[in-house]
Amino acid sequence: MSSQAFIKKNLFESDSYCLLVLICQQFLIRSWS
């Protein structure tokens, strides 16, 4: 059970990280063009 909670926590954190990366990519693309 604890490993499942750990995986869920990691998924949530990586999801937030992916969102941050996407925002940064959009910013870089706009500033480059």
N, C-alpha and C. Protein backbone atom coordinates (compact mmCIF):
# COMPACT_ATOMS: atom_id res chain seq x y z
N MET A 1 0.84 -1.20 0.00
CA MET A 1 0.00 0.00 0.00
C MET A 1 0.88 1.26 0.00
N SER A 2 1.91 1.27 0.79
CA SER A 2 2.77 2.45 0.86
C SER A 2 3.46 2.70 -0.48
N SER A 3 3.82 1.63 -1.17
CA SER A 3 4.48 1.79 -2.47
C SER A 3 3.50 2.40 -3.48
N GLN A 4 2.21 2.04 -3.38
CA GLN A 4 1.19 2.62 -4.27
C GLN A 4 1.06 4.12 -4.02
N ALA A 5 1.04 4.49 -2.76
CA ALA A 5 0.94 5.91 -2.40
C ALA A 5 2.18 6.65 -2.91
N PHE A 6 3.34 6.01 -2.81
CA PHE A 6 4.58 6.62 -3.28
C PHE A 6 4.52 6.84 -4.78
N ILE A 7 4.02 5.85 -5.51
CA ILE A 7 3.90 5.97 -6.97
C ILE A 7 2.92 7.09 -7.33
N LYS A 8 1.80 7.14 -6.63
CA LYS A 8 0.82 8.20 -6.90
C LYS A 8 1.44 9.57 -6.65
N LYS A 9 2.21 9.69 -5.58
CA LYS A 9 2.84 10.97 -5.27
C LYS A 9 3.84 11.35 -6.36
N ASN A 10 4.62 10.36 -6.82
CA ASN A 10 5.59 10.63 -7.88
C ASN A 10 4.89 11.03 -9.18
N LEU A 11 3.79 10.36 -9.50
CA LEU A 11 3.04 10.70 -10.71
C LEU A 11 2.54 12.13 -10.64
N PHE A 12 2.03 12.52 -9.47
CA PHE A 12 1.52 13.89 -9.31
C PHE A 12 2.66 14.90 -9.47
N GLU A 13 3.80 14.61 -8.86
CA GLU A 13 4.93 15.54 -8.94
C GLU A 13 5.47 15.62 -10.36
N SER A 14 5.57 14.47 -11.04
CA SER A 14 6.09 14.48 -12.41
C SER A 14 5.10 15.18 -13.34
N ASP A 15 3.79 15.07 -13.04
CA ASP A 15 2.78 15.74 -13.85
C ASP A 15 2.94 17.25 -13.73
N SER A 16 3.16 17.74 -12.52
CA SER A 16 3.38 19.17 -12.31
C SER A 16 4.66 19.61 -13.00
N TYR A 17 5.68 18.75 -12.95
CA TYR A 17 6.97 19.04 -13.58
C TYR A 17 6.79 19.13 -15.09
N CYS A 18 6.03 18.20 -15.68
CA CYS A 18 5.78 18.20 -17.13
C CYS A 18 5.07 19.48 -17.53
N LEU A 19 4.12 19.91 -16.72
CA LEU A 19 3.39 21.15 -17.02
C LEU A 19 4.35 22.33 -17.01
N LEU A 20 5.25 22.37 -16.04
CA LEU A 20 6.23 23.45 -15.95
C LEU A 20 7.14 23.44 -17.17
N VAL A 21 7.58 22.25 -17.59
CA VAL A 21 8.44 22.13 -18.77
C VAL A 21 7.71 22.62 -20.02
N LEU A 22 6.43 22.25 -20.16
CA LEU A 22 5.66 22.69 -21.32
C LEU A 22 5.57 24.22 -21.37
N ILE A 23 5.34 24.84 -20.23
CA ILE A 23 5.25 26.30 -20.16
C ILE A 23 6.60 26.92 -20.55
N CYS A 24 7.68 26.35 -20.07
CA CYS A 24 9.02 26.86 -20.40
C CYS A 24 9.30 26.71 -21.89
N GLN A 25 8.89 25.58 -22.47
CA GLN A 25 9.10 25.35 -23.91
C GLN A 25 8.32 26.40 -24.72
N GLN A 26 7.08 26.67 -24.35
CA GLN A 26 6.28 27.68 -25.04
C GLN A 26 6.98 29.04 -24.98
N PHE A 27 7.52 29.37 -23.82
CA PHE A 27 8.21 30.65 -23.63
C PHE A 27 9.46 30.73 -24.50
N LEU A 28 10.24 29.64 -24.54
CA LEU A 28 11.45 29.61 -25.36
C LEU A 28 11.13 29.72 -26.84
N ILE A 29 10.11 28.99 -27.29
CA ILE A 29 9.72 29.03 -28.71
C ILE A 29 9.31 30.45 -29.10
N ARG A 30 8.57 31.13 -28.24
CA ARG A 30 8.11 32.48 -28.55
C ARG A 30 9.27 33.47 -28.56
N SER A 31 10.20 33.33 -27.65
CA SER A 31 11.32 34.26 -27.58
C SER A 31 12.33 34.01 -28.71
N TRP A 32 12.40 32.78 -29.22
CA TRP A 32 13.33 32.45 -30.32
C TRP A 32 12.80 32.94 -31.65
N SER A 33 11.45 32.94 -31.83
CA SER A 33 10.87 33.31 -33.11
C SER A 33 10.45 34.79 -33.10
